């Protein structure tokens, strides 16, 4: 098993593998490997001649309140597990190899889009897959209507900046509606 700390070193090794006609499988990881990783590495041999794994703890995958510095780095144990799984090449770069400039970018998802996916699209997809698929086109339409209604509900909520009079019913919030729909389908299919 060869360990490559640079992009150039890995490219040279893989170019040599390709030159001899080898197919290459790649298993990206952040290290601290467990049996799930090893299983993927072993499966790589079912699809390729050479299995490459990476071990790189990417600072950009950690949010502002997540502790990048405390993420376990267990390279020695990881190498033993990768070798046992039949990995041929390990790409283990330092952060400066992939990000020569300091990374200051922060990824902040749009909360409206996150709400739409979590409380509109995801429950609609679950409802369709679990219970509505058998209805054909009507099942698709029902899932779409739910998703559209969740979008309208979120849009109404997001533009309603004034204090709402609590004496009047404002409708079921999207998270509760999502839980109600998926819970009902889950209970009915068990």
N, C-alpha and C. Protein backbone atom coordinates (compact mmCIF):
# COMPACT_ATOMS: atom_id res chain seq x y z
N UNK A 1 0.86 -1.18 0.00
CA UNK A 1 0.00 0.00 0.00
C UNK A 1 0.90 1.23 0.00
N UNK A 2 0.64 2.13 -0.95
CA UNK A 2 1.43 3.35 -1.06
C UNK A 2 0.64 4.53 -0.52
N UNK A 3 1.30 5.38 0.26
CA UNK A 3 0.66 6.58 0.81
C UNK A 3 1.22 7.78 0.05
N UNK A 4 0.30 8.60 -0.48
CA UNK A 4 0.68 9.76 -1.28
C UNK A 4 0.23 11.04 -0.57
N UNK A 5 1.17 11.88 -0.14
CA UNK A 5 0.79 13.12 0.53
C UNK A 5 0.55 14.29 -0.44
N UNK A 6 0.86 14.08 -1.73
CA UNK A 6 0.70 15.17 -2.70
C UNK A 6 -0.20 14.75 -3.85
N UNK A 7 -0.84 15.74 -4.47
CA UNK A 7 -1.68 15.50 -5.65
C UNK A 7 -0.82 14.96 -6.77
N UNK A 8 0.35 15.55 -6.98
CA UNK A 8 1.23 15.12 -8.07
C UNK A 8 1.66 13.66 -7.89
N UNK A 9 1.99 13.27 -6.68
CA UNK A 9 2.39 11.88 -6.42
C UNK A 9 1.26 10.90 -6.70
N UNK A 10 0.04 11.26 -6.28
CA UNK A 10 -1.10 10.39 -6.54
C UNK A 10 -1.39 10.30 -8.03
N UNK A 11 -1.35 11.45 -8.72
CA UNK A 11 -1.59 11.46 -10.17
C UNK A 11 -0.59 10.56 -10.90
N UNK A 12 0.67 10.65 -10.54
CA UNK A 12 1.70 9.83 -11.19
C UNK A 12 1.43 8.35 -10.97
N UNK A 13 1.08 7.98 -9.74
CA UNK A 13 0.80 6.57 -9.44
C UNK A 13 -0.42 6.08 -10.20
N UNK A 14 -1.47 6.91 -10.26
CA UNK A 14 -2.68 6.47 -10.95
C UNK A 14 -2.50 6.47 -12.47
N UNK A 15 -1.67 7.38 -12.99
CA UNK A 15 -1.37 7.34 -14.42
C UNK A 15 -0.68 6.03 -14.78
N UNK A 16 0.22 5.57 -13.91
CA UNK A 16 0.91 4.29 -14.14
C UNK A 16 -0.08 3.13 -14.08
N UNK A 17 -1.03 3.19 -13.14
CA UNK A 17 -2.05 2.13 -13.05
C UNK A 17 -2.91 2.11 -14.31
N UNK A 18 -3.32 3.29 -14.77
CA UNK A 18 -4.15 3.36 -15.99
C UNK A 18 -3.37 2.88 -17.21
N UNK A 19 -2.08 3.19 -17.25
CA UNK A 19 -1.25 2.78 -18.39
C UNK A 19 -1.20 1.26 -18.52
N UNK A 20 -1.30 0.56 -17.43
CA UNK A 20 -1.32 -0.90 -17.51
C UNK A 20 -2.74 -1.45 -17.63
N UNK A 21 -3.72 -0.54 -17.81
CA UNK A 21 -5.09 -0.95 -18.08
C UNK A 21 -5.96 -1.16 -16.86
N UNK A 22 -5.53 -0.73 -15.71
CA UNK A 22 -6.29 -0.96 -14.48
C UNK A 22 -7.47 0.00 -14.37
N UNK A 23 -8.58 -0.53 -13.86
CA UNK A 23 -9.73 0.30 -13.50
C UNK A 23 -9.55 0.71 -12.04
N UNK A 24 -9.97 1.94 -11.72
CA UNK A 24 -9.69 2.50 -10.40
C UNK A 24 -10.99 2.86 -9.68
N UNK A 25 -11.09 2.41 -8.43
CA UNK A 25 -12.22 2.79 -7.56
C UNK A 25 -11.67 3.74 -6.50
N UNK A 26 -12.50 4.71 -6.10
CA UNK A 26 -12.07 5.71 -5.13
C UNK A 26 -13.05 5.77 -3.97
N UNK A 27 -12.52 5.72 -2.75
CA UNK A 27 -13.34 5.81 -1.54
C UNK A 27 -12.84 7.00 -0.72
N UNK A 28 -13.55 8.14 -0.77
CA UNK A 28 -13.11 9.30 0.01
C UNK A 28 -13.54 9.17 1.47
N UNK A 29 -12.65 9.53 2.40
CA UNK A 29 -12.99 9.47 3.82
C UNK A 29 -12.37 10.68 4.53
N UNK A 30 -12.79 10.86 5.77
CA UNK A 30 -12.16 11.85 6.65
C UNK A 30 -11.37 11.14 7.74
N UNK A 31 -11.03 9.88 7.51
CA UNK A 31 -10.28 9.13 8.50
C UNK A 31 -11.16 8.65 9.63
N UNK A 32 -10.51 8.19 10.71
CA UNK A 32 -11.23 7.61 11.84
C UNK A 32 -12.16 6.50 11.32
N UNK A 33 -11.59 5.60 10.56
CA UNK A 33 -12.35 4.61 9.79
C UNK A 33 -13.02 3.57 10.69
N UNK A 34 -14.14 3.07 10.19
CA UNK A 34 -14.87 1.99 10.85
C UNK A 34 -15.21 0.93 9.82
N UNK A 35 -15.95 -0.07 10.21
CA UNK A 35 -16.24 -1.19 9.33
C UNK A 35 -17.00 -0.78 8.07
N UNK A 36 -17.82 0.25 8.18
CA UNK A 36 -18.54 0.74 6.99
C UNK A 36 -17.59 1.21 5.91
N UNK A 37 -16.56 1.93 6.31
CA UNK A 37 -15.55 2.37 5.34
C UNK A 37 -14.85 1.16 4.73
N UNK A 38 -14.44 0.22 5.58
CA UNK A 38 -13.73 -0.97 5.11
C UNK A 38 -14.59 -1.77 4.13
N UNK A 39 -15.87 -1.83 4.41
CA UNK A 39 -16.79 -2.54 3.52
C UNK A 39 -16.82 -1.89 2.14
N UNK A 40 -16.86 -0.56 2.10
CA UNK A 40 -16.83 0.14 0.81
C UNK A 40 -15.52 -0.13 0.06
N UNK A 41 -14.44 -0.15 0.81
CA UNK A 41 -13.14 -0.41 0.19
C UNK A 41 -13.07 -1.82 -0.39
N UNK A 42 -13.60 -2.79 0.35
CA UNK A 42 -13.63 -4.17 -0.17
C UNK A 42 -14.54 -4.27 -1.39
N UNK A 43 -15.66 -3.57 -1.37
CA UNK A 43 -16.57 -3.60 -2.53
C UNK A 43 -15.93 -2.96 -3.75
N UNK A 44 -15.01 -2.03 -3.52
CA UNK A 44 -14.31 -1.41 -4.65
C UNK A 44 -13.64 -2.43 -5.54
N UNK A 45 -13.19 -3.54 -4.95
CA UNK A 45 -12.54 -4.60 -5.74
C UNK A 45 -13.53 -5.33 -6.64
N UNK A 46 -14.82 -5.25 -6.34
CA UNK A 46 -15.83 -5.85 -7.22
C UNK A 46 -16.01 -5.05 -8.50
N UNK A 47 -15.58 -3.78 -8.48
CA UNK A 47 -15.82 -2.89 -9.61
C UNK A 47 -14.54 -2.38 -10.27
N UNK A 48 -13.40 -2.63 -9.66
CA UNK A 48 -12.15 -2.08 -10.18
C UNK A 48 -10.99 -2.99 -9.81
N UNK A 49 -9.86 -2.71 -10.44
CA UNK A 49 -8.65 -3.48 -10.18
C UNK A 49 -7.83 -2.88 -9.03
N UNK A 50 -7.94 -1.57 -8.88
CA UNK A 50 -7.16 -0.82 -7.90
C UNK A 50 -8.12 0.00 -7.06
N UNK A 51 -7.95 -0.04 -5.75
CA UNK A 51 -8.78 0.76 -4.85
C UNK A 51 -7.92 1.85 -4.23
N UNK A 52 -8.39 3.09 -4.36
CA UNK A 52 -7.72 4.25 -3.79
C UNK A 52 -8.63 4.80 -2.70
N UNK A 53 -8.06 5.12 -1.56
CA UNK A 53 -8.83 5.76 -0.49
C UNK A 53 -8.14 7.06 -0.12
N UNK A 54 -8.95 8.03 0.28
CA UNK A 54 -8.36 9.28 0.76
C UNK A 54 -8.64 9.42 2.25
N UNK A 55 -7.73 10.10 2.92
CA UNK A 55 -7.91 10.45 4.33
C UNK A 55 -7.62 11.94 4.42
N UNK A 56 -8.68 12.73 4.52
CA UNK A 56 -8.51 14.18 4.60
C UNK A 56 -9.64 14.75 5.43
N UNK A 57 -9.28 15.38 6.54
CA UNK A 57 -10.26 16.04 7.39
C UNK A 57 -10.42 17.45 6.85
N UNK A 58 -11.55 17.69 6.19
CA UNK A 58 -11.79 18.93 5.48
C UNK A 58 -12.41 19.97 6.41
N UNK A 59 -11.67 21.02 6.64
CA UNK A 59 -12.13 22.11 7.51
C UNK A 59 -13.46 22.70 7.02
N UNK A 60 -13.66 22.70 5.71
CA UNK A 60 -14.87 23.33 5.15
C UNK A 60 -16.13 22.51 5.40
N UNK A 61 -15.99 21.26 5.85
CA UNK A 61 -17.16 20.45 6.15
C UNK A 61 -17.66 20.64 7.57
N UNK A 62 -16.99 21.47 8.33
CA UNK A 62 -17.38 21.71 9.71
C UNK A 62 -18.07 23.06 9.82
N UNK A 63 -19.17 23.09 10.53
CA UNK A 63 -19.89 24.33 10.76
C UNK A 63 -19.20 25.17 11.81
N UNK A 64 -19.72 26.38 12.04
CA UNK A 64 -19.10 27.29 12.99
C UNK A 64 -19.09 26.76 14.43
N UNK A 65 -20.04 25.94 14.80
CA UNK A 65 -20.11 25.43 16.17
C UNK A 65 -19.61 23.98 16.28
N UNK A 66 -18.99 23.48 15.23
CA UNK A 66 -18.47 22.12 15.23
C UNK A 66 -16.96 22.19 15.43
N UNK A 67 -16.41 21.26 16.16
CA UNK A 67 -15.02 21.35 16.56
C UNK A 67 -14.10 20.58 15.62
N UNK A 68 -13.58 21.27 14.62
CA UNK A 68 -12.66 20.70 13.66
C UNK A 68 -11.42 20.15 14.35
N UNK A 69 -10.90 20.89 15.32
CA UNK A 69 -9.64 20.50 15.97
C UNK A 69 -9.78 19.24 16.81
N UNK A 70 -10.98 18.92 17.25
CA UNK A 70 -11.17 17.74 18.09
C UNK A 70 -11.57 16.49 17.30
N UNK A 71 -11.73 16.62 15.98
CA UNK A 71 -12.08 15.45 15.17
C UNK A 71 -10.93 14.44 15.27
N UNK A 72 -11.21 13.17 15.54
CA UNK A 72 -10.13 12.18 15.75
C UNK A 72 -9.31 11.95 14.49
N UNK A 73 -8.01 11.99 14.66
CA UNK A 73 -7.08 11.65 13.58
C UNK A 73 -6.37 10.37 14.01
N UNK A 74 -6.69 9.28 13.31
CA UNK A 74 -6.19 7.95 13.69
C UNK A 74 -5.49 7.30 12.50
N UNK A 75 -4.51 7.99 11.94
CA UNK A 75 -3.89 7.55 10.68
C UNK A 75 -3.27 6.17 10.77
N UNK A 76 -2.60 5.84 11.85
CA UNK A 76 -1.95 4.53 11.96
C UNK A 76 -2.99 3.41 11.92
N UNK A 77 -4.05 3.54 12.71
CA UNK A 77 -5.12 2.54 12.71
C UNK A 77 -5.85 2.53 11.37
N UNK A 78 -6.03 3.71 10.78
CA UNK A 78 -6.70 3.80 9.47
C UNK A 78 -5.90 3.06 8.41
N UNK A 79 -4.58 3.22 8.43
CA UNK A 79 -3.74 2.53 7.44
C UNK A 79 -3.83 1.02 7.60
N UNK A 80 -3.85 0.55 8.83
CA UNK A 80 -3.98 -0.90 9.06
C UNK A 80 -5.32 -1.40 8.52
N UNK A 81 -6.39 -0.65 8.75
CA UNK A 81 -7.72 -1.06 8.27
C UNK A 81 -7.77 -1.02 6.74
N UNK A 82 -7.17 0.01 6.14
CA UNK A 82 -7.18 0.11 4.67
C UNK A 82 -6.36 -1.01 4.05
N UNK A 83 -5.23 -1.33 4.64
CA UNK A 83 -4.40 -2.41 4.10
C UNK A 83 -5.15 -3.74 4.19
N UNK A 84 -5.83 -3.98 5.30
CA UNK A 84 -6.61 -5.21 5.45
C UNK A 84 -7.76 -5.26 4.43
N UNK A 85 -8.27 -4.11 4.02
CA UNK A 85 -9.37 -4.06 3.05
C UNK A 85 -8.86 -4.12 1.62
N UNK A 86 -7.54 -4.13 1.42
CA UNK A 86 -6.98 -4.27 0.07
C UNK A 86 -6.79 -2.97 -0.68
N UNK A 87 -6.70 -1.86 0.03
CA UNK A 87 -6.46 -0.57 -0.63
C UNK A 87 -5.04 -0.55 -1.17
N UNK A 88 -4.89 -0.07 -2.41
CA UNK A 88 -3.59 -0.03 -3.07
C UNK A 88 -2.89 1.30 -2.83
N UNK A 89 -3.66 2.40 -2.93
CA UNK A 89 -3.09 3.74 -2.79
C UNK A 89 -3.93 4.53 -1.80
N UNK A 90 -3.23 5.30 -0.94
CA UNK A 90 -3.90 6.18 0.02
C UNK A 90 -3.47 7.61 -0.28
N UNK A 91 -4.46 8.47 -0.47
CA UNK A 91 -4.18 9.90 -0.65
C UNK A 91 -4.43 10.57 0.69
N UNK A 92 -3.34 11.05 1.31
CA UNK A 92 -3.42 11.65 2.65
C UNK A 92 -2.70 13.00 2.64
N UNK A 93 -3.32 14.00 2.04
CA UNK A 93 -2.65 15.29 1.92
C UNK A 93 -2.77 16.14 3.19
N UNK A 94 -1.83 17.05 3.34
CA UNK A 94 -1.97 18.09 4.36
C UNK A 94 -2.95 19.13 3.82
N UNK A 95 -3.51 19.90 4.70
CA UNK A 95 -4.49 20.91 4.27
C UNK A 95 -3.90 21.88 3.25
N UNK A 96 -2.65 22.26 3.42
CA UNK A 96 -2.02 23.21 2.50
C UNK A 96 -1.87 22.65 1.09
N UNK A 97 -1.84 21.33 0.95
CA UNK A 97 -1.74 20.71 -0.37
C UNK A 97 -3.00 20.97 -1.19
N UNK A 98 -4.15 20.91 -0.55
CA UNK A 98 -5.42 21.12 -1.26
C UNK A 98 -5.89 22.56 -1.22
N UNK A 99 -5.56 23.24 -0.14
CA UNK A 99 -5.99 24.64 0.04
C UNK A 99 -4.75 25.48 0.35
N UNK A 100 -4.00 25.90 -0.67
CA UNK A 100 -2.77 26.65 -0.40
C UNK A 100 -3.03 28.00 0.29
N UNK A 101 -4.17 28.59 0.03
CA UNK A 101 -4.53 29.85 0.67
C UNK A 101 -5.43 29.55 1.86
N UNK A 102 -5.36 30.36 2.91
CA UNK A 102 -6.27 30.15 4.05
C UNK A 102 -7.72 30.21 3.61
N UNK A 103 -8.51 29.31 4.13
CA UNK A 103 -9.92 29.24 3.74
C UNK A 103 -10.78 30.03 4.72
N UNK A 104 -11.41 31.06 4.22
CA UNK A 104 -12.25 31.89 5.07
C UNK A 104 -13.72 31.78 4.67
N UNK A 105 -14.01 31.02 3.64
CA UNK A 105 -15.37 30.89 3.16
C UNK A 105 -16.24 30.16 4.19
N UNK A 106 -17.41 30.64 4.38
CA UNK A 106 -18.39 30.00 5.26
C UNK A 106 -19.64 29.69 4.43
N UNK A 107 -20.14 28.48 4.55
CA UNK A 107 -21.34 28.07 3.84
C UNK A 107 -22.52 28.19 4.80
N UNK A 108 -23.44 29.06 4.46
CA UNK A 108 -24.63 29.26 5.28
C UNK A 108 -25.84 29.00 4.39
N UNK A 109 -26.53 27.88 4.60
CA UNK A 109 -27.68 27.58 3.74
C UNK A 109 -28.80 28.58 3.96
N UNK A 110 -29.52 28.85 2.90
CA UNK A 110 -30.68 29.74 2.97
C UNK A 110 -31.75 29.07 3.83
N UNK A 111 -32.17 29.70 4.93
CA UNK A 111 -33.13 29.03 5.82
C UNK A 111 -34.47 28.73 5.15
N UNK A 112 -34.88 29.57 4.21
CA UNK A 112 -36.15 29.32 3.53
C UNK A 112 -36.05 28.06 2.67
N UNK A 113 -34.93 27.93 1.95
CA UNK A 113 -34.73 26.73 1.13
C UNK A 113 -34.61 25.49 2.01
N UNK A 114 -33.89 25.61 3.12
CA UNK A 114 -33.75 24.48 4.04
C UNK A 114 -35.11 24.06 4.59
N UNK A 115 -35.95 25.03 4.95
CA UNK A 115 -37.30 24.72 5.43
C UNK A 115 -38.13 24.04 4.34
N UNK A 116 -38.00 24.53 3.10
CA UNK A 116 -38.78 23.95 2.01
C UNK A 116 -38.39 22.50 1.77
N UNK A 117 -37.10 22.21 1.81
CA UNK A 117 -36.65 20.84 1.61
C UNK A 117 -37.09 19.96 2.79
N UNK A 118 -36.89 20.47 4.02
CA UNK A 118 -37.18 19.67 5.22
C UNK A 118 -38.67 19.43 5.44
N UNK A 119 -39.48 20.44 5.20
CA UNK A 119 -40.89 20.36 5.56
C UNK A 119 -41.84 20.31 4.37
N UNK A 120 -41.30 20.38 3.16
CA UNK A 120 -42.14 20.31 1.97
C UNK A 120 -41.74 19.15 1.07
N UNK A 121 -40.56 19.25 0.48
CA UNK A 121 -40.14 18.25 -0.50
C UNK A 121 -39.87 16.88 0.13
N UNK A 122 -39.18 16.84 1.26
CA UNK A 122 -38.85 15.54 1.87
C UNK A 122 -40.10 14.78 2.31
N UNK A 123 -41.05 15.40 3.05
CA UNK A 123 -42.26 14.64 3.41
C UNK A 123 -43.08 14.23 2.19
N UNK A 124 -43.10 15.08 1.16
CA UNK A 124 -43.85 14.72 -0.05
C UNK A 124 -43.21 13.51 -0.72
N UNK A 125 -41.90 13.48 -0.77
CA UNK A 125 -41.20 12.34 -1.38
C UNK A 125 -41.42 11.07 -0.56
N UNK A 126 -41.33 11.20 0.76
CA UNK A 126 -41.56 10.03 1.63
C UNK A 126 -42.99 9.52 1.46
N UNK A 127 -43.95 10.44 1.46
CA UNK A 127 -45.34 10.03 1.30
C UNK A 127 -45.55 9.33 -0.04
N UNK A 128 -44.93 9.86 -1.09
CA UNK A 128 -45.06 9.24 -2.41
C UNK A 128 -44.45 7.84 -2.42
N UNK A 129 -43.21 7.73 -1.92
CA UNK A 129 -42.52 6.44 -1.94
C UNK A 129 -43.21 5.40 -1.07
N UNK A 130 -43.69 5.80 0.10
CA UNK A 130 -44.26 4.85 1.05
C UNK A 130 -45.70 4.47 0.72
N UNK A 131 -46.49 5.40 0.21
CA UNK A 131 -47.92 5.12 0.12
C UNK A 131 -48.59 5.54 -1.16
N UNK A 132 -48.08 6.54 -1.84
CA UNK A 132 -48.81 7.10 -2.97
C UNK A 132 -48.35 6.58 -4.32
N UNK A 133 -47.23 5.91 -4.38
CA UNK A 133 -46.68 5.45 -5.65
C UNK A 133 -47.64 4.53 -6.40
N UNK A 134 -48.33 3.68 -5.64
CA UNK A 134 -49.27 2.74 -6.24
C UNK A 134 -50.46 3.41 -6.91
N UNK A 135 -50.69 4.67 -6.60
CA UNK A 135 -51.81 5.39 -7.21
C UNK A 135 -51.45 5.99 -8.57
N UNK A 136 -50.21 5.78 -8.98
CA UNK A 136 -49.78 6.29 -10.29
C UNK A 136 -49.75 7.80 -10.32
N UNK A 137 -50.34 8.35 -11.38
CA UNK A 137 -50.34 9.80 -11.58
C UNK A 137 -51.02 10.53 -10.42
N UNK A 138 -52.07 9.95 -9.86
CA UNK A 138 -52.78 10.61 -8.76
C UNK A 138 -51.92 10.70 -7.51
N UNK A 139 -51.09 9.70 -7.28
CA UNK A 139 -50.17 9.74 -6.16
C UNK A 139 -49.14 10.84 -6.33
N UNK A 140 -48.64 10.98 -7.56
CA UNK A 140 -47.68 12.04 -7.86
C UNK A 140 -48.34 13.41 -7.65
N UNK A 141 -49.57 13.55 -8.11
CA UNK A 141 -50.28 14.82 -7.96
C UNK A 141 -50.50 15.14 -6.48
N UNK A 142 -50.87 14.15 -5.69
CA UNK A 142 -51.09 14.38 -4.25
C UNK A 142 -49.80 14.83 -3.58
N UNK A 143 -48.68 14.20 -3.91
CA UNK A 143 -47.38 14.59 -3.33
C UNK A 143 -47.02 16.00 -3.77
N UNK A 144 -47.27 16.31 -5.02
CA UNK A 144 -46.97 17.65 -5.53
C UNK A 144 -47.82 18.70 -4.84
N UNK A 145 -49.10 18.41 -4.66
CA UNK A 145 -49.99 19.37 -3.99
C UNK A 145 -49.51 19.62 -2.56
N UNK A 146 -49.11 18.57 -1.86
CA UNK A 146 -48.59 18.77 -0.51
C UNK A 146 -47.36 19.67 -0.54
N UNK A 147 -46.44 19.39 -1.46
CA UNK A 147 -45.21 20.17 -1.56
C UNK A 147 -45.53 21.63 -1.91
N UNK A 148 -46.46 21.85 -2.84
CA UNK A 148 -46.85 23.21 -3.21
C UNK A 148 -47.51 23.94 -2.04
N UNK A 149 -48.36 23.25 -1.32
CA UNK A 149 -49.01 23.87 -0.15
C UNK A 149 -47.99 24.23 0.92
N UNK A 150 -47.00 23.38 1.13
CA UNK A 150 -45.94 23.70 2.09
C UNK A 150 -45.16 24.93 1.64
N UNK A 151 -44.90 25.02 0.34
CA UNK A 151 -44.19 26.20 -0.19
C UNK A 151 -45.01 27.46 0.03
N UNK A 152 -46.32 27.38 -0.24
CA UNK A 152 -47.18 28.55 -0.03
C UNK A 152 -47.25 28.92 1.45
N UNK A 153 -47.34 27.92 2.30
CA UNK A 153 -47.40 28.17 3.74
C UNK A 153 -46.12 28.84 4.21
N UNK A 154 -44.96 28.35 3.75
CA UNK A 154 -43.69 28.96 4.13
C UNK A 154 -43.57 30.37 3.57
N UNK A 155 -44.04 30.57 2.34
CA UNK A 155 -44.00 31.91 1.76
C UNK A 155 -44.87 32.87 2.56
N UNK A 156 -46.05 32.43 2.94
CA UNK A 156 -46.94 33.28 3.74
C UNK A 156 -46.32 33.59 5.09
N UNK A 157 -45.72 32.60 5.71
CA UNK A 157 -45.09 32.80 7.00
C UNK A 157 -43.92 33.77 6.89
N UNK A 158 -43.12 33.64 5.83
CA UNK A 158 -41.93 34.47 5.69
C UNK A 158 -42.24 35.92 5.35
N UNK A 159 -43.38 36.20 4.73
CA UNK A 159 -43.73 37.59 4.42
C UNK A 159 -44.59 38.23 5.50
N UNK A 160 -45.10 37.43 6.43
CA UNK A 160 -45.94 37.94 7.50
C UNK A 160 -45.05 38.42 8.64
N UNK A 161 -44.65 39.70 8.57
CA UNK A 161 -43.72 40.22 9.58
C UNK A 161 -44.44 40.91 10.74
N UNK A 162 -45.71 41.20 10.56
CA UNK A 162 -46.45 41.87 11.62
C UNK A 162 -46.82 40.87 12.71
N UNK A 163 -47.18 41.37 13.86
CA UNK A 163 -47.64 40.52 14.96
C UNK A 163 -48.98 39.91 14.56
N UNK A 164 -49.08 38.63 14.70
CA UNK A 164 -50.29 37.93 14.29
C UNK A 164 -51.25 37.87 15.47
N UNK A 165 -52.52 38.13 15.19
CA UNK A 165 -53.57 38.06 16.21
C UNK A 165 -53.81 36.59 16.53
N UNK A 166 -53.54 36.18 17.74
CA UNK A 166 -53.63 34.78 18.14
C UNK A 166 -55.07 34.29 18.27
N UNK A 167 -56.04 35.20 18.16
CA UNK A 167 -57.44 34.77 18.27
C UNK A 167 -57.92 34.07 17.00
N UNK A 168 -57.18 34.21 15.92
CA UNK A 168 -57.60 33.63 14.65
C UNK A 168 -56.63 32.52 14.25
N UNK A 169 -57.18 31.45 13.73
CA UNK A 169 -56.37 30.30 13.32
C UNK A 169 -55.53 30.70 12.10
N UNK A 170 -54.24 30.43 12.18
CA UNK A 170 -53.32 30.79 11.09
C UNK A 170 -52.96 29.59 10.23
N UNK A 171 -53.39 28.42 10.59
CA UNK A 171 -53.05 27.23 9.82
C UNK A 171 -52.02 26.39 10.54
N UNK A 172 -51.91 25.17 10.12
CA UNK A 172 -50.98 24.23 10.73
C UNK A 172 -49.57 24.54 10.23
N UNK A 173 -48.61 24.75 11.11
CA UNK A 173 -47.24 25.02 10.66
C UNK A 173 -46.71 23.86 9.82
N UNK A 174 -45.86 24.17 8.86
CA UNK A 174 -45.33 23.15 7.96
C UNK A 174 -44.64 22.00 8.68
N UNK A 175 -43.82 22.24 9.71
CA UNK A 175 -43.19 21.09 10.38
C UNK A 175 -44.23 20.14 10.99
N UNK A 176 -45.25 20.70 11.60
CA UNK A 176 -46.29 19.84 12.18
C UNK A 176 -47.07 19.12 11.09
N UNK A 177 -47.34 19.80 10.00
CA UNK A 177 -48.04 19.16 8.88
C UNK A 177 -47.20 18.03 8.30
N UNK A 178 -45.89 18.26 8.17
CA UNK A 178 -45.00 17.22 7.66
C UNK A 178 -45.01 16.01 8.58
N UNK A 179 -44.92 16.26 9.87
CA UNK A 179 -44.94 15.16 10.83
C UNK A 179 -46.28 14.43 10.80
N UNK A 180 -47.35 15.15 10.66
CA UNK A 180 -48.68 14.56 10.60
C UNK A 180 -48.83 13.66 9.37
N UNK A 181 -48.42 14.16 8.21
CA UNK A 181 -48.54 13.38 6.97
C UNK A 181 -47.67 12.13 7.02
N UNK A 182 -46.38 12.30 7.34
CA UNK A 182 -45.49 11.13 7.33
C UNK A 182 -45.84 10.16 8.45
N UNK A 183 -46.23 10.69 9.59
CA UNK A 183 -46.64 9.81 10.70
C UNK A 183 -47.86 8.99 10.36
N UNK A 184 -48.85 9.63 9.73
CA UNK A 184 -50.06 8.92 9.33
C UNK A 184 -49.74 7.81 8.33
N UNK A 185 -48.91 8.12 7.35
CA UNK A 185 -48.56 7.12 6.34
C UNK A 185 -47.75 5.99 6.97
N UNK A 186 -46.84 6.34 7.86
CA UNK A 186 -46.02 5.33 8.54
C UNK A 186 -46.90 4.38 9.35
N UNK A 187 -47.85 4.93 10.08
CA UNK A 187 -48.76 4.10 10.90
C UNK A 187 -49.63 3.22 10.00
N UNK A 188 -50.11 3.78 8.91
CA UNK A 188 -51.01 3.03 8.04
C UNK A 188 -50.30 1.93 7.25
N UNK A 189 -48.99 2.07 7.04
CA UNK A 189 -48.28 1.04 6.27
C UNK A 189 -47.69 -0.04 7.15
N UNK A 190 -47.67 0.14 8.47
CA UNK A 190 -47.13 -0.88 9.37
C UNK A 190 -48.15 -1.94 9.67
